[in-house]
């Protein structure tokens, strides 16, 4: 019964209004308010502050400053296996596997279209028959997203949508969840061909940022494409393991590769805990 009510609430709640109101609270610099909010959150979700560059909870300017906190040098060592594909974020594997018949597996009985996810059939063509990995970031996790491989940015696309929660319950009950939510699609050219890193928004996610464009959401009314063609501007190349974006409040990162390019690590399955920088997969032989 509780699960049904939760799913019903996801359809009825004013997603964007609620998220923006919470976003305003998360930017509040009033000391008593932000300190209580940060202290409650850190205790509630058992946030490990010993790995943060700044350990003092009261030293952050506001809640979002705390939430997107940097880690100490060496807190997330990068796997040094030659040509390894790195995990882009802390969290847990939601799903990973093949893109079959143009669809990405979401959860029991549910999948979604890669065309809908990326916002365009031509953009999606390179990933048909390829591989995907979906990483869910929980509230306690480090919320910066990093590069799985060295890549040169080709295109960024803002795709408008809803802001359903992205936890396991909604993944199992809301059809086409990740292709319905607001998201930022980042397309890179890498040594393994095209790579997409999709930053998916969710309920109470106040904004999504990238290191090259800054704030990309809150929402715009329509799909918007940003081209990074070399003829138009200096190319943006990010090294493997470099930060590429961040969530102000948590969500999901999806990584896509084309066919016969990568093979996910055998040790990883749905719900496997992961950390940024660990080996997510290898080049396919």
C-alpha atoms as a PDB file:
ATOM      1  CA  UNK A   1       0.000   0.000   0.000  1.00  0.00           C
ATOM      2  CA  UNK A   2       2.796   2.437   0.931  1.00  0.00           C
ATOM      3  CA  UNK A   3       4.555   1.675  -2.345  1.00  0.00           C
ATOM      4  CA  UNK A   4       1.391   2.383  -4.346  1.00  0.00           C
ATOM      5  CA  UNK A   5       0.862   5.689  -2.548  1.00  0.00           C
ATOM      6  CA  UNK A   6       4.473   6.670  -3.163  1.00  0.00           C
ATOM      7  CA  UNK A   7       4.205   5.963  -6.893  1.00  0.00           C
ATOM      8  CA  UNK A   8       0.884   7.817  -7.096  1.00  0.00           C
ATOM      9  CA  UNK A   9       2.469  10.818  -5.368  1.00  0.00           C
ATOM     10  CA  UNK A  10       5.204  10.838  -8.006  1.00  0.00           C
ATOM     11  CA  UNK A  11       2.621  11.501 -10.700  1.00  0.00           C
ATOM     12  CA  UNK A  12       0.654  14.080  -8.700  1.00  0.00           C
ATOM     13  CA  UNK A  13       3.390  16.220  -7.153  1.00  0.00           C
ATOM     14  CA  UNK A  14       4.494  19.446  -8.928  1.00  0.00           C
ATOM     15  CA  UNK A  15       7.998  18.138  -9.662  1.00  0.00           C
ATOM     16  CA  UNK A  16       9.716  21.289 -10.852  1.00  0.00           C
ATOM     17  CA  UNK A  17       8.099  23.660  -8.378  1.00  0.00           C
ATOM     18  CA  UNK A  18       8.987  21.424  -5.439  1.00  0.00           C
ATOM     19  CA  UNK A  19      12.538  20.934  -6.698  1.00  0.00           C
ATOM     20  CA  UNK A  20      13.129  24.656  -7.231  1.00  0.00           C
ATOM     21  CA  UNK A  21      11.749  25.534  -3.787  1.00  0.00           C
ATOM     22  CA  UNK A  22      14.109  23.008  -2.212  1.00  0.00           C
ATOM     23  CA  UNK A  23      16.862  24.394  -4.440  1.00  0.00           C
ATOM     24  CA  UNK A  24      16.320  27.847  -2.929  1.00  0.00           C
ATOM     25  CA  UNK A  25      16.567  26.412   0.567  1.00  0.00           C
ATOM     26  CA  UNK A  26      19.752  24.566  -0.413  1.00  0.00           C
ATOM     27  CA  UNK A  27      21.367  27.887  -1.413  1.00  0.00           C
ATOM     28  CA  UNK A  28      20.385  29.677   1.818  1.00  0.00           C
ATOM     29  CA  UNK A  29      23.425  31.140   3.614  1.00  0.00           C
ATOM     30  CA  UNK A  30      21.690  31.959   6.908  1.00  0.00           C
ATOM     31  CA  UNK A  31      24.009  30.313   9.425  1.00  0.00           C
ATOM     32  CA  UNK A  32      21.484  28.772  11.832  1.00  0.00           C
ATOM     33  CA  UNK A  33      19.385  27.352   8.977  1.00  0.00           C
ATOM     34  CA  UNK A  34      22.114  25.923   6.765  1.00  0.00           C
ATOM     35  CA  UNK A  35      24.069  24.513   9.738  1.00  0.00           C
ATOM     36  CA  UNK A  36      21.026  22.684  11.095  1.00  0.00           C
ATOM     37  CA  UNK A  37      20.106  21.380   7.652  1.00  0.00           C
ATOM     38  CA  UNK A  38      23.639  20.153   6.925  1.00  0.00           C
ATOM     39  CA  UNK A  39      24.020  18.628  10.391  1.00  0.00           C
ATOM     40  CA  UNK A  40      20.696  16.796  10.157  1.00  0.00           C
ATOM     41  CA  UNK A  41      21.459  15.501   6.651  1.00  0.00           C
ATOM     42  CA  UNK A  42      24.970  14.297   7.538  1.00  0.00           C
ATOM     43  CA  UNK A  43      23.624  12.403  10.555  1.00  0.00           C
ATOM     44  CA  UNK A  44      20.513  11.065   8.815  1.00  0.00           C
ATOM     45  CA  UNK A  45      22.463   9.632   5.876  1.00  0.00           C
ATOM     46  CA  UNK A  46      25.706   8.831   7.738  1.00  0.00           C
ATOM     47  CA  UNK A  47      27.845  10.955   5.430  1.00  0.00           C
ATOM     48  CA  UNK A  48      31.553  10.141   5.736  1.00  0.00           C
ATOM     49  CA  UNK A  49      33.144  13.547   6.276  1.00  0.00           C
ATOM     50  CA  UNK A  50      36.597  12.140   7.050  1.00  0.00           C
ATOM     51  CA  UNK A  51      37.262  11.875   3.293  1.00  0.00           C
ATOM     52  CA  UNK A  52      36.121  15.444   2.527  1.00  0.00           C
ATOM     53  CA  UNK A  53      38.596  18.279   1.979  1.00  0.00           C
ATOM     54  CA  UNK A  54      36.549  20.304   4.479  1.00  0.00           C
ATOM     55  CA  UNK A  55      35.405  18.181   7.438  1.00  0.00           C
ATOM     56  CA  UNK A  56      33.771  20.933   9.498  1.00  0.00           C
ATOM     57  CA  UNK A  57      30.038  20.834   8.713  1.00  0.00           C
ATOM     58  CA  UNK A  58      29.614  24.476   9.734  1.00  0.00           C
ATOM     59  CA  UNK A  59      32.305  25.701   7.323  1.00  0.00           C
ATOM     60  CA  UNK A  60      30.193  25.308   4.177  1.00  0.00           C
ATOM     61  CA  UNK A  61      28.575  28.408   2.648  1.00  0.00           C
ATOM     62  CA  UNK A  62      25.237  26.644   2.172  1.00  0.00           C
ATOM     63  CA  UNK A  63      23.783  23.156   1.816  1.00  0.00           C
ATOM     64  CA  UNK A  64      24.703  22.798  -1.876  1.00  0.00           C
ATOM     65  CA  UNK A  65      28.302  23.711  -1.033  1.00  0.00           C
ATOM     66  CA  UNK A  66      28.296  20.786   1.406  1.00  0.00           C
ATOM     67  CA  UNK A  67      26.463  18.453  -0.966  1.00  0.00           C
ATOM     68  CA  UNK A  68      28.936  18.978  -3.824  1.00  0.00           C
ATOM     69  CA  UNK A  69      31.930  18.874  -1.462  1.00  0.00           C
ATOM     70  CA  UNK A  70      35.359  18.041  -2.841  1.00  0.00           C
ATOM     71  CA  UNK A  71      37.253  15.030  -1.508  1.00  0.00           C
ATOM     72  CA  UNK A  72      40.784  14.855  -0.179  1.00  0.00           C
ATOM     73  CA  UNK A  73      43.501  14.064  -2.673  1.00  0.00           C
ATOM     74  CA  UNK A  74      43.796  10.281  -3.007  1.00  0.00           C
ATOM     75  CA  UNK A  75      40.332   9.586  -1.562  1.00  0.00           C
ATOM     76  CA  UNK A  76      39.274   8.125  -4.932  1.00  0.00           C
ATOM     77  CA  UNK A  77      42.365   6.538  -6.553  1.00  0.00           C
ATOM     78  CA  UNK A  78      41.928   5.789 -10.246  1.00  0.00           C
ATOM     79  CA  UNK A  79      42.234   2.156 -11.285  1.00  0.00           C
ATOM     80  CA  UNK A  80      45.510   1.804 -13.173  1.00  0.00           C
ATOM     81  CA  UNK A  81      44.554  -1.225 -15.270  1.00  0.00           C
ATOM     82  CA  UNK A  82      45.661  -0.373 -18.840  1.00  0.00           C
ATOM     83  CA  UNK A  83      42.737   1.033 -20.889  1.00  0.00           C
ATOM     84  CA  UNK A  84      40.249   0.450 -18.062  1.00  0.00           C
ATOM     85  CA  UNK A  85      36.890   2.217 -18.266  1.00  0.00           C
ATOM     86  CA  UNK A  86      36.367   3.977 -14.941  1.00  0.00           C
ATOM     87  CA  UNK A  87      33.201   4.309 -12.904  1.00  0.00           C
ATOM     88  CA  UNK A  88      32.033   7.923 -13.246  1.00  0.00           C
ATOM     89  CA  UNK A  89      30.503   8.331  -9.785  1.00  0.00           C
ATOM     90  CA  UNK A  90      29.988   6.941  -6.314  1.00  0.00           C
ATOM     91  CA  UNK A  91      26.797   5.000  -5.774  1.00  0.00           C
ATOM     92  CA  UNK A  92      25.442   1.642  -6.866  1.00  0.00           C
ATOM     93  CA  UNK A  93      24.958  -0.050 -10.216  1.00  0.00           C
ATOM     94  CA  UNK A  94      21.292   0.231 -11.100  1.00  0.00           C
ATOM     95  CA  UNK A  95      21.693  -1.883 -14.242  1.00  0.00           C
ATOM     96  CA  UNK A  96      24.335  -2.568 -16.881  1.00  0.00           C
ATOM     97  CA  UNK A  97      24.427  -4.598 -20.065  1.00  0.00           C
ATOM     98  CA  UNK A  98      23.633  -4.490 -23.768  1.00  0.00           C
ATOM     99  CA  UNK A  99      21.481  -1.994 -25.623  1.00  0.00           C
ATOM    100  CA  UNK A 100      19.109  -4.425 -27.336  1.00  0.00           C
ATOM    101  CA  UNK A 101      16.697  -3.477 -30.126  1.00  0.00           C
ATOM    102  CA  UNK A 102      17.367   0.160 -29.353  1.00  0.00           C
ATOM    103  CA  UNK A 103      16.320  -0.122 -25.712  1.00  0.00           C
ATOM    104  CA  UNK A 104      18.075   0.160 -22.367  1.00  0.00           C
ATOM    105  CA  UNK A 105      17.007  -2.147 -19.508  1.00  0.00           C
ATOM    106  CA  UNK A 106      15.650  -0.202 -16.522  1.00  0.00           C
ATOM    107  CA  UNK A 107      14.258  -2.722 -14.007  1.00  0.00           C
ATOM    108  CA  UNK A 108      12.006  -5.770 -13.912  1.00  0.00           C
ATOM    109  CA  UNK A 109       9.741  -5.577 -16.957  1.00  0.00           C
ATOM    110  CA  UNK A 110      10.779  -2.033 -17.894  1.00  0.00           C
ATOM    111  CA  UNK A 111      13.106  -0.602 -20.525  1.00  0.00           C
ATOM    112  CA  UNK A 112      13.366   2.695 -22.384  1.00  0.00           C
ATOM    113  CA  UNK A 113      14.346   3.912 -25.820  1.00  0.00           C
ATOM    114  CA  UNK A 114      17.905   5.127 -26.362  1.00  0.00           C
ATOM    115  CA  UNK A 115      16.479   7.532 -28.958  1.00  0.00           C
ATOM    116  CA  UNK A 116      14.220   9.057 -26.312  1.00  0.00           C
ATOM    117  CA  UNK A 117      17.065   9.132 -23.792  1.00  0.00           C
ATOM    118  CA  UNK A 118      19.397  11.049 -26.120  1.00  0.00           C
ATOM    119  CA  UNK A 119      16.669  13.119 -27.739  1.00  0.00           C
ATOM    120  CA  UNK A 120      17.378  12.280 -31.390  1.00  0.00           C
ATOM    121  CA  UNK A 121      17.558   9.187 -33.641  1.00  0.00           C
ATOM    122  CA  UNK A 122      20.712  10.349 -35.426  1.00  0.00           C
ATOM    123  CA  UNK A 123      22.453  10.966 -32.110  1.00  0.00           C
ATOM    124  CA  UNK A 124      21.394   7.531 -30.848  1.00  0.00           C
ATOM    125  CA  UNK A 125      22.471   5.621 -33.976  1.00  0.00           C
ATOM    126  CA  UNK A 126      26.083   5.228 -32.823  1.00  0.00           C
ATOM    127  CA  UNK A 127      24.958   3.418 -29.664  1.00  0.00           C
ATOM    128  CA  UNK A 128      22.537   0.888 -31.148  1.00  0.00           C
ATOM    129  CA  UNK A 129      23.708  -2.597 -30.162  1.00  0.00           C
ATOM    130  CA  UNK A 130      26.213  -1.082 -27.761  1.00  0.00           C
ATOM    131  CA  UNK A 131      26.544  -1.225 -23.981  1.00  0.00           C
ATOM    132  CA  UNK A 132      25.223   0.829 -21.077  1.00  0.00           C
ATOM    133  CA  UNK A 133      25.866   1.224 -17.369  1.00  0.00           C
ATOM    134  CA  UNK A 134      23.504   3.076 -15.034  1.00  0.00           C
ATOM    135  CA  UNK A 135      24.880   4.382 -11.720  1.00  0.00           C
ATOM    136  CA  UNK A 136      22.495   5.566  -8.990  1.00  0.00           C
ATOM    137  CA  UNK A 137      23.861   8.170  -6.576  1.00  0.00           C
ATOM    138  CA  UNK A 138      22.285   7.984  -3.117  1.00  0.00           C
ATOM    139  CA  UNK A 139      22.034  10.992  -0.770  1.00  0.00           C
ATOM    140  CA  UNK A 140      25.163  10.065   1.210  1.00  0.00           C
ATOM    141  CA  UNK A 141      27.405   9.743  -1.845  1.00  0.00           C
ATOM    142  CA  UNK A 142      30.027  12.038  -3.357  1.00  0.00           C
ATOM    143  CA  UNK A 143      28.056  13.908  -6.039  1.00  0.00           C
ATOM    144  CA  UNK A 144      30.620  14.922  -8.618  1.00  0.00           C
ATOM    145  CA  UNK A 145      30.702  12.966 -11.892  1.00  0.00           C
ATOM    146  CA  UNK A 146      34.014  12.133 -13.578  1.00  0.00           C
ATOM    147  CA  UNK A 147      35.199  10.939 -16.980  1.00  0.00           C
ATOM    148  CA  UNK A 148      35.218   7.151 -17.578  1.00  0.00           C
ATOM    149  CA  UNK A 149      37.770   7.683 -20.374  1.00  0.00           C
ATOM    150  CA  UNK A 150      39.658  10.622 -21.831  1.00  0.00           C
ATOM    151  CA  UNK A 151      37.292  12.308 -24.258  1.00  0.00           C
ATOM    152  CA  UNK A 152      36.838  15.370 -26.461  1.00  0.00           C
ATOM    153  CA  UNK A 153      33.453  17.003 -26.056  1.00  0.00           C
ATOM    154  CA  UNK A 154      31.403  17.005 -29.252  1.00  0.00           C
ATOM    155  CA  UNK A 155      27.932  17.988 -28.101  1.00  0.00           C
ATOM    156  CA  UNK A 156      25.850  18.726 -25.017  1.00  0.00           C
ATOM    157  CA  UNK A 157      22.070  18.442 -25.127  1.00  0.00           C
ATOM    158  CA  UNK A 158      19.564  19.622 -22.556  1.00  0.00           C
ATOM    159  CA  UNK A 159      16.434  17.435 -22.742  1.00  0.00           C
ATOM    160  CA  UNK A 160      13.413  18.744 -20.779  1.00  0.00           C
ATOM    161  CA  UNK A 161      11.248  16.356 -18.799  1.00  0.00           C
ATOM    162  CA  UNK A 162       9.683  15.408 -15.484  1.00  0.00           C
ATOM    163  CA  UNK A 163      11.533  14.951 -12.202  1.00  0.00           C
ATOM    164  CA  UNK A 164      10.406  11.577 -10.891  1.00  0.00           C
ATOM    165  CA  UNK A 165      12.437  10.113  -8.063  1.00  0.00           C
ATOM    166  CA  UNK A 166      15.034   7.665  -9.426  1.00  0.00           C
ATOM    167  CA  UNK A 167      15.256   5.203  -6.548  1.00  0.00           C
ATOM    168  CA  UNK A 168      14.688   1.468  -6.959  1.00  0.00           C
ATOM    169  CA  UNK A 169      10.955   1.702  -6.263  1.00  0.00           C
ATOM    170  CA  UNK A 170      10.315   4.191  -9.064  1.00  0.00           C
ATOM    171  CA  UNK A 171      12.688   2.355 -11.420  1.00  0.00           C
ATOM    172  CA  UNK A 172      10.552  -0.753 -10.943  1.00  0.00           C
ATOM    173  CA  UNK A 173       7.211   1.024 -11.315  1.00  0.00           C
ATOM    174  CA  UNK A 174       7.500   4.103 -13.562  1.00  0.00           C
ATOM    175  CA  UNK A 175       7.812   3.138 -17.264  1.00  0.00           C
ATOM    176  CA  UNK A 176      10.587   4.805 -19.316  1.00  0.00           C
ATOM    177  CA  UNK A 177      11.776   6.578 -16.158  1.00  0.00           C
ATOM    178  CA  UNK A 178      15.186   7.787 -17.311  1.00  0.00           C
ATOM    179  CA  UNK A 179      13.864   8.845 -20.717  1.00  0.00           C
ATOM    180  CA  UNK A 180      11.100  10.873 -19.053  1.00  0.00           C
ATOM    181  CA  UNK A 181      13.147  12.854 -16.561  1.00  0.00           C
ATOM    182  CA  UNK A 182      14.966  16.089 -17.293  1.00  0.00           C
ATOM    183  CA  UNK A 183      18.557  15.343 -18.288  1.00  0.00           C
ATOM    184  CA  UNK A 184      21.823  16.619 -19.736  1.00  0.00           C
ATOM    185  CA  UNK A 185      23.380  14.464 -22.486  1.00  0.00           C
ATOM    186  CA  UNK A 186      27.150  14.859 -22.954  1.00  0.00           C
ATOM    187  CA  UNK A 187      28.692  13.279 -26.059  1.00  0.00           C
ATOM    188  CA  UNK A 188      32.429  12.660 -26.285  1.00  0.00           C
ATOM    189  CA  UNK A 189      34.838  11.201 -28.844  1.00  0.00           C
ATOM    190  CA  UNK A 190      37.148   8.684 -27.125  1.00  0.00           C
ATOM    191  CA  UNK A 191      39.648   5.948 -27.955  1.00  0.00           C
ATOM    192  CA  UNK A 192      36.660   3.570 -27.781  1.00  0.00           C
ATOM    193  CA  UNK A 193      34.562   5.614 -30.205  1.00  0.00           C
ATOM    194  CA  UNK A 194      31.570   7.746 -29.183  1.00  0.00           C
ATOM    195  CA  UNK A 195      30.765   7.837 -25.468  1.00  0.00           C
ATOM    196  CA  UNK A 196      27.665   9.397 -23.914  1.00  0.00           C
ATOM    197  CA  UNK A 197      27.476  10.400 -20.263  1.00  0.00           C
ATOM    198  CA  UNK A 198      23.891  11.281 -19.373  1.00  0.00           C
ATOM    199  CA  UNK A 199      23.218  13.209 -16.156  1.00  0.00           C
ATOM    200  CA  UNK A 200      19.601  12.484 -15.198  1.00  0.00           C
ATOM    201  CA  UNK A 201      17.663  14.861 -12.976  1.00  0.00           C
ATOM    202  CA  UNK A 202      15.282  13.685 -10.256  1.00  0.00           C
ATOM    203  CA  UNK A 203      12.842  14.868  -7.629  1.00  0.00           C
ATOM    204  CA  UNK A 204      14.394  17.699  -5.541  1.00  0.00           C
ATOM    205  CA  UNK A 205      17.499  17.870  -7.763  1.00  0.00           C
ATOM    206  CA  UNK A 206      17.919  21.633  -7.749  1.00  0.00           C
ATOM    207  CA  UNK A 207      20.360  21.769 -10.665  1.00  0.00           C
ATOM    208  CA  UNK A 208      22.877  19.978 -12.863  1.00  0.00           C
ATOM    209  CA  UNK A 209      26.198  21.587 -13.766  1.00  0.00           C
ATOM    210  CA  UNK A 210      29.055  20.757 -16.142  1.00  0.00           C
ATOM    211  CA  UNK A 211      32.619  22.023 -15.771  1.00  0.00           C
ATOM    212  CA  UNK A 212      32.596  23.665 -19.214  1.00  0.00           C
ATOM    213  CA  UNK A 213      29.129  25.277 -19.179  1.00  0.00           C
ATOM    214  CA  UNK A 214      28.355  25.801 -15.499  1.00  0.00           C
ATOM    215  CA  UNK A 215      24.663  25.632 -14.588  1.00  0.00           C
ATOM    216  CA  UNK A 216      22.648  23.757 -17.261  1.00  0.00           C
ATOM    217  CA  UNK A 217      19.405  23.213 -15.332  1.00  0.00           C
ATOM    218  CA  UNK A 218      16.945  24.503 -13.794  1.00  0.00           C
ATOM    219  CA  UNK A 219      14.700  23.752 -16.704  1.00  0.00           C
ATOM    220  CA  UNK A 220      14.284  25.358 -20.047  1.00  0.00           C
ATOM    221  CA  UNK A 221      11.091  24.866 -22.017  1.00  0.00           C
ATOM    222  CA  UNK A 222      12.490  22.903 -24.934  1.00  0.00           C
ATOM    223  CA  UNK A 223      15.350  20.699 -26.046  1.00  0.00           C
ATOM    224  CA  UNK A 224      18.521  22.720 -26.547  1.00  0.00           C
ATOM    225  CA  UNK A 225      21.714  21.583 -28.267  1.00  0.00           C
ATOM    226  CA  UNK A 226      25.192  23.014 -27.637  1.00  0.00           C
ATOM    227  CA  UNK A 227      27.744  22.133 -30.318  1.00  0.00           C
ATOM    228  CA  UNK A 228      31.451  21.996 -29.539  1.00  0.00           C
ATOM    229  CA  UNK A 229      32.638  21.634 -33.121  1.00  0.00           C
ATOM    230  CA  UNK A 230      36.353  22.433 -33.450  1.00  0.00           C
ATOM    231  CA  UNK A 231      35.581  24.939 -36.193  1.00  0.00           C
ATOM    232  CA  UNK A 232      33.421  26.943 -33.787  1.00  0.00           C
ATOM    233  CA  UNK A 233      35.670  26.981 -30.711  1.00  0.00           C
ATOM    234  CA  UNK A 234      38.750  25.455 -29.126  1.00  0.00           C
ATOM    235  CA  UNK A 235      38.153  21.755 -28.411  1.00  0.00           C
ATOM    236  CA  UNK A 236      37.368  20.730 -24.832  1.00  0.00           C
ATOM    237  CA  UNK A 237      39.238  17.554 -23.866  1.00  0.00           C
ATOM    238  CA  UNK A 238      38.890  16.054 -20.402  1.00  0.00           C
ATOM    239  CA  UNK A 239      41.288  13.413 -19.102  1.00  0.00           C
ATOM    240  CA  UNK A 240      40.157  10.079 -17.706  1.00  0.00           C
ATOM    241  CA  UNK A 241      39.117  10.608 -14.097  1.00  0.00           C
ATOM    242  CA  UNK A 242      38.661  14.379 -14.456  1.00  0.00           C
ATOM    243  CA  UNK A 243      35.503  15.981 -13.093  1.00  0.00           C
ATOM    244  CA  UNK A 244      32.924  16.649 -15.822  1.00  0.00           C
ATOM    245  CA  UNK A 245      29.783  17.584 -13.891  1.00  0.00           C
ATOM    246  CA  UNK A 246      27.917  17.551 -10.616  1.00  0.00           C
ATOM    247  CA  UNK A 247      24.450  17.192  -9.124  1.00  0.00           C
ATOM    248  CA  UNK A 248      23.058  19.615  -6.553  1.00  0.00           C
ATOM    249  CA  UNK A 249      21.114  16.871  -4.785  1.00  0.00           C
ATOM    250  CA  UNK A 250      21.405  13.341  -6.075  1.00  0.00           C
ATOM    251  CA  UNK A 251      20.400  11.424  -9.133  1.00  0.00           C
ATOM    252  CA  UNK A 252      21.737   9.047 -11.811  1.00  0.00           C
ATOM    253  CA  UNK A 253      24.547   8.920 -14.365  1.00  0.00           C
ATOM    254  CA  UNK A 254      24.236   6.698 -17.456  1.00  0.00           C
ATOM    255  CA  UNK A 255      27.241   5.779 -19.622  1.00  0.00           C
ATOM    256  CA  UNK A 256      26.778   4.522 -23.190  1.00  0.00           C
ATOM    257  CA  UNK A 257      29.260   3.075 -25.694  1.00  0.00           C
ATOM    258  CA  UNK A 258      28.817   1.795 -29.228  1.00  0.00           C
ATOM    259  CA  UNK A 259      28.822  -1.904 -30.203  1.00  0.00           C
ATOM    260  CA  UNK A 260      31.862  -4.094 -29.482  1.00  0.00           C
ATOM    261  CA  UNK A 261      33.739  -1.372 -27.614  1.00  0.00           C
ATOM    262  CA  UNK A 262      33.592  -2.239 -23.912  1.00  0.00           C
ATOM    263  CA  UNK A 263      32.987  -5.208 -21.649  1.00  0.00           C
ATOM    264  CA  UNK A 264      31.718  -4.523 -18.154  1.00  0.00           C
ATOM    265  CA  UNK A 265      33.550  -6.104 -15.231  1.00  0.00           C
ATOM    266  CA  UNK A 266      32.198  -9.564 -14.398  1.00  0.00           C
ATOM    267  CA  UNK A 267      32.106  -8.679 -10.689  1.00  0.00           C
ATOM    268  CA  UNK A 268      29.475  -5.976 -11.228  1.00  0.00           C
ATOM    269  CA  UNK A 269      25.744  -6.697 -11.204  1.00  0.00           C
ATOM    270  CA  UNK A 270      22.589  -4.759 -10.322  1.00  0.00           C
ATOM    271  CA  UNK A 271      22.934  -3.160  -6.854  1.00  0.00           C
ATOM    272  CA  UNK A 272      26.724  -3.570  -6.712  1.00  0.00           C
ATOM    273  CA  UNK A 273      28.191  -0.664  -4.700  1.00  0.00           C
ATOM    274  CA  UNK A 274      30.726   1.359  -6.687  1.00  0.00           C
ATOM    275  CA  UNK A 275      33.062   4.295  -6.214  1.00  0.00           C
ATOM    276  CA  UNK A 276      34.286   6.862  -8.677  1.00  0.00           C
ATOM    277  CA  UNK A 277      37.554   5.750 -10.266  1.00  0.00           C
ATOM    278  CA  UNK A 278      37.180   2.007  -9.815  1.00  0.00           C
ATOM    279  CA  UNK A 279      37.321  -0.234 -12.871  1.00  0.00           C
ATOM    280  CA  UNK A 280      33.885  -0.404 -14.479  1.00  0.00           C
ATOM    281  CA  UNK A 281      34.978  -2.325 -17.573  1.00  0.00           C
ATOM    282  CA  UNK A 282      37.625  -2.978 -20.204  1.00  0.00           C
ATOM    283  CA  UNK A 283      37.973  -2.649 -23.962  1.00  0.00           C
ATOM    284  CA  UNK A 284      36.261  -5.513 -25.741  1.00  0.00           C
ATOM    285  CA  UNK A 285      38.833  -7.744 -27.430  1.00  0.00           C
END
